[in-house]
Amino acid sequence: MGVPGGVFTACFAIRNKYLLEWLETIDYVTMEREMITLEGEFDFYISRKLKQKAFKVYLVNELGMKYNLLGSTTAPGHPEEIIFF
């Protein structure tokens, strides 16, 4: 945590109340001016909440999920790239 862009947000879980709080506290002007990624902004939010001891973060090695990146439904005719989590 604490590294801009350090949270891979393609697949993550967060309670709805924290997701709404995060979305309401994003400073979009600063994000655009400083070119902060959404992942970086989420990392800042998590780091801030951890310092406040407001919630727990669980890191897991595997989620037992897979998704089809660039599969036939999103890019017809392109090869599939299956990503496992």
C-alpha atoms as a PDB file:
ATOM      1  CA  MET A   1       0.000   0.000   0.000  1.00  0.00           C
ATOM      2  CA  GLY A   2       1.031   3.588  -0.396  1.00  0.00           C
ATOM      3  CA  VAL A   3       2.409   3.186  -3.914  1.00  0.00           C
ATOM      4  CA  PRO A   4       0.408   5.046  -6.595  1.00  0.00           C
ATOM      5  CA  GLY A   5      -1.079   2.538  -8.985  1.00  0.00           C
ATOM      6  CA  GLY A   6      -0.374  -0.273  -6.547  1.00  0.00           C
ATOM      7  CA  VAL A   7      -3.882  -1.744  -6.459  1.00  0.00           C
ATOM      8  CA  PHE A   8      -4.995  -3.920  -9.363  1.00  0.00           C
ATOM      9  CA  THR A   9      -8.636  -2.897  -9.664  1.00  0.00           C
ATOM     10  CA  ALA A  10      -9.723  -5.281 -12.405  1.00  0.00           C
ATOM     11  CA  CYS A  11     -11.032  -7.560  -9.675  1.00  0.00           C
ATOM     12  CA  PHE A  12     -11.513  -6.449  -6.090  1.00  0.00           C
ATOM     13  CA  ALA A  13     -14.180  -6.543  -3.423  1.00  0.00           C
ATOM     14  CA  ILE A  14     -15.207  -3.767  -1.081  1.00  0.00           C
ATOM     15  CA  ARG A  15     -18.298  -3.167   1.021  1.00  0.00           C
ATOM     16  CA  ASN A  16     -20.817  -0.877  -0.638  1.00  0.00           C
ATOM     17  CA  LYS A  17     -20.624   1.816   2.058  1.00  0.00           C
ATOM     18  CA  TYR A  18     -16.840   2.080   1.599  1.00  0.00           C
ATOM     19  CA  LEU A  19     -17.138   2.095  -2.192  1.00  0.00           C
ATOM     20  CA  LEU A  20     -19.627   4.976  -2.025  1.00  0.00           C
ATOM     21  CA  GLU A  21     -17.461   6.828   0.489  1.00  0.00           C
ATOM     22  CA  TRP A  22     -14.416   6.395  -1.750  1.00  0.00           C
ATOM     23  CA  LEU A  23     -16.278   7.614  -4.831  1.00  0.00           C
ATOM     24  CA  GLU A  24     -17.607  10.641  -2.928  1.00  0.00           C
ATOM     25  CA  THR A  25     -14.155  11.631  -1.630  1.00  0.00           C
ATOM     26  CA  ILE A  26     -12.211  11.379  -4.891  1.00  0.00           C
ATOM     27  CA  ASP A  27     -10.690  14.704  -5.912  1.00  0.00           C
ATOM     28  CA  TYR A  28     -11.159  14.430  -9.661  1.00  0.00           C
ATOM     29  CA  VAL A  29      -9.523  17.801 -10.370  1.00  0.00           C
ATOM     30  CA  THR A  30      -6.319  16.742  -8.613  1.00  0.00           C
ATOM     31  CA  MET A  31      -6.456  13.325 -10.269  1.00  0.00           C
ATOM     32  CA  GLU A  32      -6.574  14.955 -13.684  1.00  0.00           C
ATOM     33  CA  ARG A  33      -3.970  17.640 -12.913  1.00  0.00           C
ATOM     34  CA  GLU A  34      -1.504  15.210 -11.286  1.00  0.00           C
ATOM     35  CA  MET A  35      -2.385  12.353 -13.679  1.00  0.00           C
ATOM     36  CA  ILE A  36      -3.252  10.026 -10.790  1.00  0.00           C
ATOM     37  CA  THR A  37      -4.730   6.729 -11.924  1.00  0.00           C
ATOM     38  CA  LEU A  38      -7.914   5.278 -10.478  1.00  0.00           C
ATOM     39  CA  GLU A  39      -5.786   2.481  -9.034  1.00  0.00           C
ATOM     40  CA  GLY A  40      -3.517   5.051  -7.373  1.00  0.00           C
ATOM     41  CA  GLU A  41      -6.473   6.915  -5.907  1.00  0.00           C
ATOM     42  CA  PHE A  42      -7.888   3.659  -4.541  1.00  0.00           C
ATOM     43  CA  ASP A  43      -4.500   2.868  -3.021  1.00  0.00           C
ATOM     44  CA  PHE A  44      -4.485   6.277  -1.274  1.00  0.00           C
ATOM     45  CA  TYR A  45      -7.984   5.587   0.071  1.00  0.00           C
ATOM     46  CA  ILE A  46      -7.020   2.172   1.445  1.00  0.00           C
ATOM     47  CA  SER A  47      -3.828   3.560   2.999  1.00  0.00           C
ATOM     48  CA  ARG A  48      -5.778   6.379   4.663  1.00  0.00           C
ATOM     49  CA  LYS A  49      -8.394   3.981   6.074  1.00  0.00           C
ATOM     50  CA  LEU A  50      -5.716   1.607   7.372  1.00  0.00           C
ATOM     51  CA  LYS A  51      -3.972   4.459   9.209  1.00  0.00           C
ATOM     52  CA  GLN A  52      -7.326   5.309  10.806  1.00  0.00           C
ATOM     53  CA  LYS A  53      -7.796   1.618  11.655  1.00  0.00           C
ATOM     54  CA  ALA A  54     -11.188   1.949   9.955  1.00  0.00           C
ATOM     55  CA  PHE A  55     -11.231  -1.442   8.269  1.00  0.00           C
ATOM     56  CA  LYS A  56      -9.265  -4.593   7.560  1.00  0.00           C
ATOM     57  CA  VAL A  57      -7.684  -5.575   4.270  1.00  0.00           C
ATOM     58  CA  TYR A  58      -7.380  -9.235   3.350  1.00  0.00           C
ATOM     59  CA  LEU A  59      -4.840 -10.242   0.736  1.00  0.00           C
ATOM     60  CA  VAL A  60      -5.432 -13.609  -0.886  1.00  0.00           C
ATOM     61  CA  ASN A  61      -3.337 -15.581  -3.341  1.00  0.00           C
ATOM     62  CA  GLU A  62      -6.287 -16.829  -5.363  1.00  0.00           C
ATOM     63  CA  LEU A  63      -9.963 -15.977  -5.759  1.00  0.00           C
ATOM     64  CA  GLY A  64     -10.978 -19.045  -7.748  1.00  0.00           C
ATOM     65  CA  MET A  65     -12.215 -16.852 -10.603  1.00  0.00           C
ATOM     66  CA  LYS A  66     -11.326 -16.459 -14.248  1.00  0.00           C
ATOM     67  CA  TYR A  67     -12.188 -13.954 -16.915  1.00  0.00           C
ATOM     68  CA  ASN A  68     -11.821 -13.848 -20.644  1.00  0.00           C
ATOM     69  CA  LEU A  69      -9.753 -10.818 -21.641  1.00  0.00           C
ATOM     70  CA  LEU A  70     -10.091  -9.941 -25.332  1.00  0.00           C
ATOM     71  CA  GLY A  71     -12.463 -12.844 -25.860  1.00  0.00           C
ATOM     72  CA  SER A  72     -14.897 -13.269 -28.699  1.00  0.00           C
ATOM     73  CA  THR A  73     -17.656 -11.259 -27.001  1.00  0.00           C
ATOM     74  CA  THR A  74     -15.486  -8.166 -26.499  1.00  0.00           C
ATOM     75  CA  ALA A  75     -13.260  -8.310 -29.590  1.00  0.00           C
ATOM     76  CA  PRO A  76     -14.604 -10.627 -32.293  1.00  0.00           C
ATOM     77  CA  GLY A  77     -11.910 -12.453 -34.228  1.00  0.00           C
ATOM     78  CA  HIS A  78      -9.159 -11.830 -31.699  1.00  0.00           C
ATOM     79  CA  PRO A  79      -7.479 -14.631 -29.752  1.00  0.00           C
ATOM     80  CA  GLU A  80      -8.709 -15.254 -26.245  1.00  0.00           C
ATOM     81  CA  GLU A  81      -6.557 -14.545 -23.232  1.00  0.00           C
ATOM     82  CA  ILE A  82      -7.857 -16.314 -20.144  1.00  0.00           C
ATOM     83  CA  ILE A  83      -6.747 -14.754 -16.851  1.00  0.00           C
ATOM     84  CA  PHE A  84      -7.056 -16.762 -13.620  1.00  0.00           C
ATOM     85  CA  PHE A  85      -7.416 -15.159 -10.190  1.00  0.00           C
END
